[in-house]
Amino acid sequence: MSEFQGLLRMGDATERPMSIEVDLTDDRMRLTAGDVEVADWSRDEFRIQALPDGFHVRAEGEELVLDIREDAKFALELGLRTAHPVLRRKMSALLRDDD
């Protein structure tokens, strides 16, 4: 089981981000805030893109942005192959350290 801590904001919202936990288990992504489940998607139900301001997730006609503390580990866990240059360098460093 892979769990990550971070912040969640809705697309262009100006509201304060919400603290969340992201669980990547069994080819699913579950988002929880405290004891409240915010989302639960199978891998084929969402699209994710790593941009400089966070991971943009599109699902169910909505867009949300995740700011994950361990962003490189999160990207690798998701199997992302593309990212902005800073994140790609972090991902490469993690892959080198695993060898």
PDB file of N, CA and C in Angstrom:
ATOM      1  N   MET A   1       0.852  -1.181   0.000  1.00  0.00           N
ATOM      2  CA  MET A   1       0.000   0.000   0.000  1.00  0.00           C
ATOM      3  C   MET A   1       0.891   1.236   0.000  1.00  0.00           C
ATOM      4  N   SER A   2       0.582   2.186  -0.872  1.00  0.00           N
ATOM      5  CA  SER A   2       1.324   3.437  -0.962  1.00  0.00           C
ATOM      6  C   SER A   2       0.424   4.589  -0.564  1.00  0.00           C
ATOM      7  N   GLU A   3       0.851   5.320   0.444  1.00  0.00           N
ATOM      8  CA  GLU A   3       0.077   6.471   0.913  1.00  0.00           C
ATOM      9  C   GLU A   3       0.935   7.721   0.838  1.00  0.00           C
ATOM     10  N   PHE A   4       0.306   8.812   0.449  1.00  0.00           N
ATOM     11  CA  PHE A   4       0.988  10.083   0.281  1.00  0.00           C
ATOM     12  C   PHE A   4       0.177  11.186   0.936  1.00  0.00           C
ATOM     13  N   GLN A   5       0.873  12.159   1.504  1.00  0.00           N
ATOM     14  CA  GLN A   5       0.244  13.318   2.122  1.00  0.00           C
ATOM     15  C   GLN A   5       0.348  14.495   1.175  1.00  0.00           C
ATOM     16  N   GLY A   6      -0.653  15.358   1.193  1.00  0.00           N
ATOM     17  CA  GLY A   6      -0.588  16.526   0.340  1.00  0.00           C
ATOM     18  C   GLY A   6      -1.745  17.468   0.547  1.00  0.00           C
ATOM     19  N   LEU A   7      -1.915  18.345  -0.420  1.00  0.00           N
ATOM     20  CA  LEU A   7      -2.987  19.332  -0.409  1.00  0.00           C
ATOM     21  C   LEU A   7      -3.814  19.165  -1.675  1.00  0.00           C
ATOM     22  N   LEU A   8      -5.096  19.447  -1.557  1.00  0.00           N
ATOM     23  CA  LEU A   8      -6.028  19.343  -2.674  1.00  0.00           C
ATOM     24  C   LEU A   8      -6.705  20.681  -2.881  1.00  0.00           C
ATOM     25  N   ARG A   9      -6.760  21.097  -4.134  1.00  0.00           N
ATOM     26  CA  ARG A   9      -7.560  22.283  -4.475  1.00  0.00           C
ATOM     27  C   ARG A   9      -8.315  21.962  -5.756  1.00  0.00           C
ATOM     28  N   MET A  10      -9.427  22.591  -5.929  1.00  0.00           N
ATOM     29  CA  MET A  10     -10.253  22.373  -7.102  1.00  0.00           C
ATOM     30  C   MET A  10      -9.798  23.316  -8.203  1.00  0.00           C
ATOM     31  N   GLY A  11      -9.409  22.772  -9.338  1.00  0.00           N
ATOM     32  CA  GLY A  11      -9.034  23.524 -10.540  1.00  0.00           C
ATOM     33  C   GLY A  11      -8.619  24.956 -10.314  1.00  0.00           C
ATOM     34  N   ASP A  12      -9.497  25.894 -10.668  1.00  0.00           N
ATOM     35  CA  ASP A  12      -9.195  27.326 -10.570  1.00  0.00           C
ATOM     36  C   ASP A  12      -9.647  27.954  -9.257  1.00  0.00           C
ATOM     37  N   ALA A  13     -10.084  27.143  -8.311  1.00  0.00           N
ATOM     38  CA  ALA A  13     -10.643  27.668  -7.058  1.00  0.00           C
ATOM     39  C   ALA A  13      -9.625  28.525  -6.314  1.00  0.00           C
ATOM     40  N   THR A  14     -10.119  29.561  -5.697  1.00  0.00           N
ATOM     41  CA  THR A  14      -9.273  30.433  -4.893  1.00  0.00           C
ATOM     42  C   THR A  14      -9.388  30.084  -3.411  1.00  0.00           C
ATOM     43  N   GLU A  15     -10.177  29.057  -3.104  1.00  0.00           N
ATOM     44  CA  GLU A  15     -10.340  28.635  -1.717  1.00  0.00           C
ATOM     45  C   GLU A  15      -9.046  28.022  -1.192  1.00  0.00           C
ATOM     46  N   ARG A  16      -8.941  27.993   0.100  1.00  0.00           N
ATOM     47  CA  ARG A  16      -7.774  27.415   0.756  1.00  0.00           C
ATOM     48  C   ARG A  16      -7.710  25.908   0.468  1.00  0.00           C
ATOM     49  N   PRO A  17      -6.503  25.384   0.149  1.00  0.00           N
ATOM     50  CA  PRO A  17      -6.373  23.948  -0.134  1.00  0.00           C
ATOM     51  C   PRO A  17      -6.711  23.104   1.096  1.00  0.00           C
ATOM     52  N   MET A  18      -7.156  21.886   0.843  1.00  0.00           N
ATOM     53  CA  MET A  18      -7.544  20.947   1.891  1.00  0.00           C
ATOM     54  C   MET A  18      -6.433  19.902   2.058  1.00  0.00           C
ATOM     55  N   SER A  19      -6.070  19.590   3.302  1.00  0.00           N
ATOM     56  CA  SER A  19      -5.102  18.519   3.562  1.00  0.00           C
ATOM     57  C   SER A  19      -5.741  17.183   3.248  1.00  0.00           C
ATOM     58  N   ILE A  20      -5.008  16.349   2.523  1.00  0.00           N
ATOM     59  CA  ILE A  20      -5.542  15.055   2.126  1.00  0.00           C
ATOM     60  C   ILE A  20      -4.492  13.964   2.245  1.00  0.00           C
ATOM     61  N   GLU A  21      -4.975  12.748   2.227  1.00  0.00           N
ATOM     62  CA  GLU A  21      -4.127  11.571   2.122  1.00  0.00           C
ATOM     63  C   GLU A  21      -4.538  10.854   0.845  1.00  0.00           C
ATOM     64  N   VAL A  22      -3.567  10.465   0.058  1.00  0.00           N
ATOM     65  CA  VAL A  22      -3.824   9.745  -1.186  1.00  0.00           C
ATOM     66  C   VAL A  22      -3.332   8.322  -1.017  1.00  0.00           C
ATOM     67  N   ASP A  23      -4.200   7.374  -1.271  1.00  0.00           N
ATOM     68  CA  ASP A  23      -3.892   5.951  -1.163  1.00  0.00           C
ATOM     69  C   ASP A  23      -3.914   5.351  -2.568  1.00  0.00           C
ATOM     70  N   LEU A  24      -2.774   4.827  -2.994  1.00  0.00           N
ATOM     71  CA  LEU A  24      -2.672   4.166  -4.292  1.00  0.00           C
ATOM     72  C   LEU A  24      -2.521   2.667  -4.045  1.00  0.00           C
ATOM     73  N   THR A  25      -3.635   1.982  -3.975  1.00  0.00           N
ATOM     74  CA  THR A  25      -3.649   0.547  -3.720  1.00  0.00           C
ATOM     75  C   THR A  25      -4.583  -0.127  -4.715  1.00  0.00           C
ATOM     76  N   ASP A  26      -4.213  -1.320  -5.145  1.00  0.00           N
ATOM     77  CA  ASP A  26      -5.081  -2.129  -6.008  1.00  0.00           C
ATOM     78  C   ASP A  26      -5.524  -1.385  -7.262  1.00  0.00           C
ATOM     79  N   ASP A  27      -4.592  -0.650  -7.889  1.00  0.00           N
ATOM     80  CA  ASP A  27      -4.890   0.065  -9.123  1.00  0.00           C
ATOM     81  C   ASP A  27      -6.025   1.071  -8.948  1.00  0.00           C
ATOM     82  N   ARG A  28      -6.096   1.674  -7.755  1.00  0.00           N
ATOM     83  CA  ARG A  28      -7.102   2.694  -7.443  1.00  0.00           C
ATOM     84  C   ARG A  28      -6.400   3.908  -6.837  1.00  0.00           C
ATOM     85  N   MET A  29      -7.073   5.032  -6.865  1.00  0.00           N
ATOM     86  CA  MET A  29      -6.613   6.221  -6.157  1.00  0.00           C
ATOM     87  C   MET A  29      -7.754   6.679  -5.270  1.00  0.00           C
ATOM     88  N   ARG A  30      -7.500   6.664  -3.962  1.00  0.00           N
ATOM     89  CA  ARG A  30      -8.489   7.107  -2.983  1.00  0.00           C
ATOM     90  C   ARG A  30      -7.957   8.352  -2.284  1.00  0.00           C
ATOM     91  N   LEU A  31      -8.803   9.372  -2.197  1.00  0.00           N
ATOM     92  CA  LEU A  31      -8.450  10.610  -1.515  1.00  0.00           C
ATOM     93  C   LEU A  31      -9.308  10.735  -0.273  1.00  0.00           C
ATOM     94  N   THR A  32      -8.663  10.972   0.857  1.00  0.00           N
ATOM     95  CA  THR A  32      -9.408  11.173   2.093  1.00  0.00           C
ATOM     96  C   THR A  32      -8.910  12.428   2.805  1.00  0.00           C
ATOM     97  N   ALA A  33      -9.846  13.106   3.445  1.00  0.00           N
ATOM     98  CA  ALA A  33      -9.548  14.276   4.266  1.00  0.00           C
ATOM     99  C   ALA A  33     -10.053  13.945   5.659  1.00  0.00           C
ATOM    100  N   GLY A  34      -9.142  13.620   6.558  1.00  0.00           N
ATOM    101  CA  GLY A  34      -9.553  13.155   7.880  1.00  0.00           C
ATOM    102  C   GLY A  34     -10.251  11.815   7.727  1.00  0.00           C
ATOM    103  N   ASP A  35     -11.489  11.732   8.194  1.00  0.00           N
ATOM    104  CA  ASP A  35     -12.274  10.499   8.069  1.00  0.00           C
ATOM    105  C   ASP A  35     -13.218  10.525   6.872  1.00  0.00           C
ATOM    106  N   VAL A  36     -13.152  11.574   6.057  1.00  0.00           N
ATOM    107  CA  VAL A  36     -14.081  11.739   4.936  1.00  0.00           C
ATOM    108  C   VAL A  36     -13.413  11.316   3.628  1.00  0.00           C
ATOM    109  N   GLU A  37     -14.057  10.392   2.918  1.00  0.00           N
ATOM    110  CA  GLU A  37     -13.555   9.997   1.604  1.00  0.00           C
ATOM    111  C   GLU A  37     -13.980  11.046   0.587  1.00  0.00           C
ATOM    112  N   VAL A  38     -13.009  11.643  -0.069  1.00  0.00           N
ATOM    113  CA  VAL A  38     -13.258  12.688  -1.052  1.00  0.00           C
ATOM    114  C   VAL A  38     -13.466  12.083  -2.438  1.00  0.00           C
ATOM    115  N   ALA A  39     -12.680  11.043  -2.761  1.00  0.00           N
ATOM    116  CA  ALA A  39     -12.789  10.399  -4.075  1.00  0.00           C
ATOM    117  C   ALA A  39     -12.244   8.989  -3.989  1.00  0.00           C
ATOM    118  N   ASP A  40     -12.741   8.152  -4.899  1.00  0.00           N
ATOM    119  CA  ASP A  40     -12.263   6.778  -5.032  1.00  0.00           C
ATOM    120  C   ASP A  40     -12.448   6.386  -6.496  1.00  0.00           C
ATOM    121  N   TRP A  41     -11.332   6.324  -7.225  1.00  0.00           N
ATOM    122  CA  TRP A  41     -11.385   6.025  -8.653  1.00  0.00           C
ATOM    123  C   TRP A  41     -10.483   4.845  -8.984  1.00  0.00           C
ATOM    124  N   SER A  42     -10.903   4.042  -9.957  1.00  0.00           N
ATOM    125  CA  SER A  42      -9.989   3.058 -10.524  1.00  0.00           C
ATOM    126  C   SER A  42      -9.072   3.808 -11.485  1.00  0.00           C
ATOM    127  N   ARG A  43      -7.944   3.220 -11.800  1.00  0.00           N
ATOM    128  CA  ARG A  43      -6.930   3.897 -12.623  1.00  0.00           C
ATOM    129  C   ARG A  43      -7.476   4.330 -13.992  1.00  0.00           C
ATOM    130  N   ASP A  44      -8.436   3.613 -14.525  1.00  0.00           N
ATOM    131  CA  ASP A  44      -8.962   3.969 -15.842  1.00  0.00           C
ATOM    132  C   ASP A  44     -10.068   5.026 -15.784  1.00  0.00           C
ATOM    133  N   GLU A  45     -10.418   5.511 -14.593  1.00  0.00           N
ATOM    134  CA  GLU A  45     -11.476   6.512 -14.446  1.00  0.00           C
ATOM    135  C   GLU A  45     -10.945   7.946 -14.341  1.00  0.00           C
ATOM    136  N   PHE A  46      -9.631   8.114 -14.306  1.00  0.00           N
ATOM    137  CA  PHE A  46      -9.083   9.463 -14.205  1.00  0.00           C
ATOM    138  C   PHE A  46      -7.858   9.613 -15.097  1.00  0.00           C
ATOM    139  N   ARG A  47      -7.554  10.854 -15.416  1.00  0.00           N
ATOM    140  CA  ARG A  47      -6.345  11.219 -16.154  1.00  0.00           C
ATOM    141  C   ARG A  47      -5.555  12.149 -15.254  1.00  0.00           C
ATOM    142  N   ILE A  48      -4.234  11.977 -15.277  1.00  0.00           N
ATOM    143  CA  ILE A  48      -3.398  12.807 -14.413  1.00  0.00           C
ATOM    144  C   ILE A  48      -2.220  13.334 -15.204  1.00  0.00           C
ATOM    145  N   GLN A  49      -1.878  14.585 -14.930  1.00  0.00           N
ATOM    146  CA  GLN A  49      -0.768  15.238 -15.609  1.00  0.00           C
ATOM    147  C   GLN A  49       0.053  15.987 -14.570  1.00  0.00           C
ATOM    148  N   ALA A  50       1.365  15.790 -14.602  1.00  0.00           N
ATOM    149  CA  ALA A  50       2.263  16.469 -13.672  1.00  0.00           C
ATOM    150  C   ALA A  50       2.682  17.811 -14.263  1.00  0.00           C
ATOM    151  N   LEU A  51       2.228  18.890 -13.644  1.00  0.00           N
ATOM    152  CA  LEU A  51       2.566  20.242 -14.072  1.00  0.00           C
ATOM    153  C   LEU A  51       3.306  20.944 -12.934  1.00  0.00           C
ATOM    154  N   PRO A  52       3.964  22.067 -13.208  1.00  0.00           N
ATOM    155  CA  PRO A  52       4.734  22.736 -12.152  1.00  0.00           C
ATOM    156  C   PRO A  52       3.937  23.085 -10.894  1.00  0.00           C
ATOM    157  N   ASP A  53       2.624  23.320 -11.026  1.00  0.00           N
ATOM    158  CA  ASP A  53       1.835  23.688  -9.845  1.00  0.00           C
ATOM    159  C   ASP A  53       1.182  22.486  -9.163  1.00  0.00           C
ATOM    160  N   GLY A  54       1.457  21.267  -9.626  1.00  0.00           N
ATOM    161  CA  GLY A  54       0.911  20.075  -8.983  1.00  0.00           C
ATOM    162  C   GLY A  54       0.427  19.061  -9.997  1.00  0.00           C
ATOM    163  N   PHE A  55      -0.175  18.005  -9.485  1.00  0.00           N
ATOM    164  CA  PHE A  55      -0.719  16.942 -10.321  1.00  0.00           C
ATOM    165  C   PHE A  55      -2.168  17.284 -10.639  1.00  0.00           C
ATOM    166  N   HIS A  56      -2.450  17.530 -11.902  1.00  0.00           N
ATOM    167  CA  HIS A  56      -3.805  17.865 -12.342  1.00  0.00           C
ATOM    168  C   HIS A  56      -4.538  16.567 -12.648  1.00  0.00           C
ATOM    169  N   VAL A  57      -5.615  16.341 -11.906  1.00  0.00           N
ATOM    170  CA  VAL A  57      -6.407  15.124 -12.048  1.00  0.00           C
ATOM    171  C   VAL A  57      -7.749  15.496 -12.667  1.00  0.00           C
ATOM    172  N   ARG A  58      -8.092  14.791 -13.728  1.00  0.00           N
ATOM    173  CA  ARG A  58      -9.392  14.996 -14.377  1.00  0.00           C
ATOM    174  C   ARG A  58     -10.203  13.721 -14.233  1.00  0.00           C
ATOM    175  N   ALA A  59     -11.377  13.867 -13.633  1.00  0.00           N
ATOM    176  CA  ALA A  59     -12.275  12.725 -13.429  1.00  0.00           C
ATOM    177  C   ALA A  59     -13.692  13.237 -13.269  1.00  0.00           C
ATOM    178  N   GLU A  60     -14.624  12.484 -13.784  1.00  0.00           N
ATOM    179  CA  GLU A  60     -16.045  12.806 -13.623  1.00  0.00           C
ATOM    180  C   GLU A  60     -16.367  14.247 -14.031  1.00  0.00           C
ATOM    181  N   GLY A  61     -15.700  14.737 -15.069  1.00  0.00           N
ATOM    182  CA  GLY A  61     -15.959  16.083 -15.561  1.00  0.00           C
ATOM    183  C   GLY A  61     -15.396  17.200 -14.709  1.00  0.00           C
ATOM    184  N   GLU A  62     -14.616  16.876 -13.719  1.00  0.00           N
ATOM    185  CA  GLU A  62     -14.025  17.868 -12.817  1.00  0.00           C
ATOM    186  C   GLU A  62     -12.509  17.839 -12.933  1.00  0.00           C
ATOM    187  N   GLU A  63     -11.878  18.923 -12.524  1.00  0.00           N
ATOM    188  CA  GLU A  63     -10.423  18.957 -12.432  1.00  0.00           C
ATOM    189  C   GLU A  63     -10.035  19.372 -11.022  1.00  0.00           C
ATOM    190  N   LEU A  64      -9.101  18.640 -10.458  1.00  0.00           N
ATOM    191  CA  LEU A  64      -8.557  19.014  -9.160  1.00  0.00           C
ATOM    192  C   LEU A  64      -7.050  18.945  -9.249  1.00  0.00           C
ATOM    193  N   VAL A  65      -6.404  19.640  -8.337  1.00  0.00           N
ATOM    194  CA  VAL A  65      -4.944  19.711  -8.337  1.00  0.00           C
ATOM    195  C   VAL A  65      -4.434  19.197  -6.999  1.00  0.00           C
ATOM    196  N   LEU A  66      -3.511  18.234  -7.075  1.00  0.00           N
ATOM    197  CA  LEU A  66      -2.884  17.663  -5.889  1.00  0.00           C
ATOM    198  C   LEU A  66      -1.460  18.189  -5.767  1.00  0.00           C
ATOM    199  N   ASP A  67      -1.115  18.679  -4.600  1.00  0.00           N
ATOM    200  CA  ASP A  67       0.255  19.085  -4.294  1.00  0.00           C
ATOM    201  C   ASP A  67       0.766  18.049  -3.299  1.00  0.00           C
ATOM    202  N   ILE A  68       1.535  17.091  -3.792  1.00  0.00           N
ATOM    203  CA  ILE A  68       1.981  15.948  -2.991  1.00  0.00           C
ATOM    204  C   ILE A  68       3.383  16.199  -2.467  1.00  0.00           C
ATOM    205  N   ARG A  69       3.605  15.957  -1.178  1.00  0.00           N
ATOM    206  CA  ARG A  69       4.919  16.191  -0.567  1.00  0.00           C
ATOM    207  C   ARG A  69       6.015  15.381  -1.235  1.00  0.00           C
ATOM    208  N   GLU A  70       5.794  14.103  -1.431  1.00  0.00           N
ATOM    209  CA  GLU A  70       6.775  13.230  -2.080  1.00  0.00           C
ATOM    210  C   GLU A  70       6.389  13.077  -3.556  1.00  0.00           C
ATOM    211  N   ASP A  71       6.483  14.195  -4.276  1.00  0.00           N
ATOM    212  CA  ASP A  71       5.962  14.228  -5.641  1.00  0.00           C
ATOM    213  C   ASP A  71       6.636  13.249  -6.590  1.00  0.00           C
ATOM    214  N   ALA A  72       7.950  13.081  -6.504  1.00  0.00           N
ATOM    215  CA  ALA A  72       8.647  12.165  -7.410  1.00  0.00           C
ATOM    216  C   ALA A  72       8.245  10.718  -7.143  1.00  0.00           C
ATOM    217  N   LYS A  73       8.180  10.350  -5.889  1.00  0.00           N
ATOM    218  CA  LYS A  73       7.760   8.986  -5.532  1.00  0.00           C
ATOM    219  C   LYS A  73       6.322   8.732  -5.991  1.00  0.00           C
ATOM    220  N   PHE A  74       5.464   9.724  -5.818  1.00  0.00           N
ATOM    221  CA  PHE A  74       4.073   9.638  -6.243  1.00  0.00           C
ATOM    222  C   PHE A  74       3.994   9.432  -7.764  1.00  0.00           C
ATOM    223  N   ALA A  75       4.748  10.231  -8.509  1.00  0.00           N
ATOM    224  CA  ALA A  75       4.748  10.123  -9.973  1.00  0.00           C
ATOM    225  C   ALA A  75       5.214   8.741 -10.418  1.00  0.00           C
ATOM    226  N   LEU A  76       6.261   8.235  -9.782  1.00  0.00           N
ATOM    227  CA  LEU A  76       6.753   6.900 -10.140  1.00  0.00           C
ATOM    228  C   LEU A  76       5.744   5.818  -9.780  1.00  0.00           C
ATOM    229  N   GLU A  77       5.103   5.959  -8.645  1.00  0.00           N
ATOM    230  CA  GLU A  77       4.094   4.988  -8.219  1.00  0.00           C
ATOM    231  C   GLU A  77       2.929   4.938  -9.213  1.00  0.00           C
ATOM    232  N   LEU A  78       2.578   6.091  -9.768  1.00  0.00           N
ATOM    233  CA  LEU A  78       1.508   6.157 -10.762  1.00  0.00           C
ATOM    234  C   LEU A  78       1.963   5.662 -12.140  1.00  0.00           C
ATOM    235  N   GLY A  79       3.274   5.543 -12.307  1.00  0.00           N
ATOM    236  CA  GLY A  79       3.795   5.107 -13.602  1.00  0.00           C
ATOM    237  C   GLY A  79       3.845   6.223 -14.628  1.00  0.00           C
ATOM    238  N   LEU A  80       3.905   7.471 -14.159  1.00  0.00           N
ATOM    239  CA  LEU A  80       3.975   8.595 -15.095  1.00  0.00           C
ATOM    240  C   LEU A  80       5.298   8.563 -15.852  1.00  0.00           C
ATOM    241  N   ARG A  81       5.229   8.859 -17.118  1.00  0.00           N
ATOM    242  CA  ARG A  81       6.420   8.873 -17.966  1.00  0.00           C
ATOM    243  C   ARG A  81       6.812  10.282 -18.381  1.00  0.00           C
ATOM    244  N   THR A  82       5.903  11.241 -18.212  1.00  0.00           N
ATOM    245  CA  THR A  82       6.204  12.623 -18.556  1.00  0.00           C
ATOM    246  C   THR A  82       5.922  13.508 -17.349  1.00  0.00           C
ATOM    247  N   ALA A  83       6.704  14.566 -17.245  1.00  0.00           N
ATOM    248  CA  ALA A  83       6.548  15.534 -16.161  1.00  0.00           C
ATOM    249  C   ALA A  83       7.358  16.768 -16.532  1.00  0.00           C
ATOM    250  N   HIS A  84       7.210  17.821 -15.777  1.00  0.00           N
ATOM    251  CA  HIS A  84       8.013  19.018 -15.996  1.00  0.00           C
ATOM    252  C   HIS A  84       9.464  18.720 -15.588  1.00  0.00           C
ATOM    253  N   PRO A  85      10.426  19.494 -16.080  1.00  0.00           N
ATOM    254  CA  PRO A  85      11.852  19.174 -15.884  1.00  0.00           C
ATOM    255  C   PRO A  85      12.295  18.967 -14.437  1.00  0.00           C
ATOM    256  N   VAL A  86      11.830  19.791 -13.509  1.00  0.00           N
ATOM    257  CA  VAL A  86      12.252  19.643 -12.108  1.00  0.00           C
ATOM    258  C   VAL A  86      11.797  18.294 -11.555  1.00  0.00           C
ATOM    259  N   LEU A  87      10.565  17.926 -11.812  1.00  0.00           N
ATOM    260  CA  LEU A  87      10.048  16.643 -11.324  1.00  0.00           C
ATOM    261  C   LEU A  87      10.751  15.478 -12.016  1.00  0.00           C
ATOM    262  N   ARG A  88      11.032  15.602 -13.298  1.00  0.00           N
ATOM    263  CA  ARG A  88      11.754  14.524 -14.001  1.00  0.00           C
ATOM    264  C   ARG A  88      13.113  14.273 -13.364  1.00  0.00           C
ATOM    265  N   ARG A  89      13.808  15.339 -12.982  1.00  0.00           N
ATOM    266  CA  ARG A  89      15.116  15.177 -12.322  1.00  0.00           C
ATOM    267  C   ARG A  89      14.965  14.447 -10.982  1.00  0.00           C
ATOM    268  N   LYS A  90      13.941  14.806 -10.218  1.00  0.00           N
ATOM    269  CA  LYS A  90      13.703  14.138  -8.930  1.00  0.00           C
ATOM    270  C   LYS A  90      13.377  12.656  -9.140  1.00  0.00           C
ATOM    271  N   MET A  91      12.564  12.371 -10.170  1.00  0.00           N
ATOM    272  CA  MET A  91      12.198  10.988 -10.468  1.00  0.00           C
ATOM    273  C   MET A  91      13.436  10.193 -10.865  1.00  0.00           C
ATOM    274  N   SER A  92      14.288  10.787 -11.694  1.00  0.00           N
ATOM    275  CA  SER A  92      15.522  10.120 -12.118  1.00  0.00           C
ATOM    276  C   SER A  92      16.425   9.829 -10.927  1.00  0.00           C
ATOM    277  N   ALA A  93      16.528  10.781 -10.015  1.00  0.00           N
ATOM    278  CA  ALA A  93      17.351  10.585  -8.819  1.00  0.00           C
ATOM    279  C   ALA A  93      16.833   9.412  -7.991  1.00  0.00           C
ATOM    280  N   LEU A  94      15.527   9.315  -7.838  1.00  0.00           N
ATOM    281  CA  LEU A  94      14.958   8.180  -7.087  1.00  0.00           C
ATOM    282  C   LEU A  94      15.240   6.858  -7.780  1.00  0.00           C
ATOM    283  N   LEU A  95      15.125   6.840  -9.088  1.00  0.00           N
ATOM    284  CA  LEU A  95      15.391   5.610  -9.824  1.00  0.00           C
ATOM    285  C   LEU A  95      16.859   5.202  -9.699  1.00  0.00           C
ATOM    286  N   ARG A  96      17.764   6.174  -9.736  1.00  0.00           N
ATOM    287  CA  ARG A  96      19.199   5.873  -9.563  1.00  0.00           C
ATOM    288  C   ARG A  96      19.471   5.336  -8.168  1.00  0.00           C
ATOM    289  N   ASP A  97      18.822   5.902  -7.159  1.00  0.00           N
ATOM    290  CA  ASP A  97      19.033   5.455  -5.771  1.00  0.00           C
ATOM    291  C   ASP A  97      18.532   4.047  -5.540  1.00  0.00           C
ATOM    292  N   ASP A  98      17.535   3.608  -6.325  1.00  0.00           N
ATOM    293  CA  ASP A  98      16.983   2.255  -6.163  1.00  0.00           C
ATOM    294  C   ASP A  98      17.896   1.176  -6.725  1.00  0.00           C
ATOM    295  N   ASP A  99      18.825   1.563  -7.590  1.00  0.00           N
ATOM    296  CA  ASP A  99      19.710   0.558  -8.221  1.00  0.00           C
ATOM    297  C   ASP A  99      20.731   0.018  -7.269  1.00  0.00           C
TER     298      ASP A  99
END
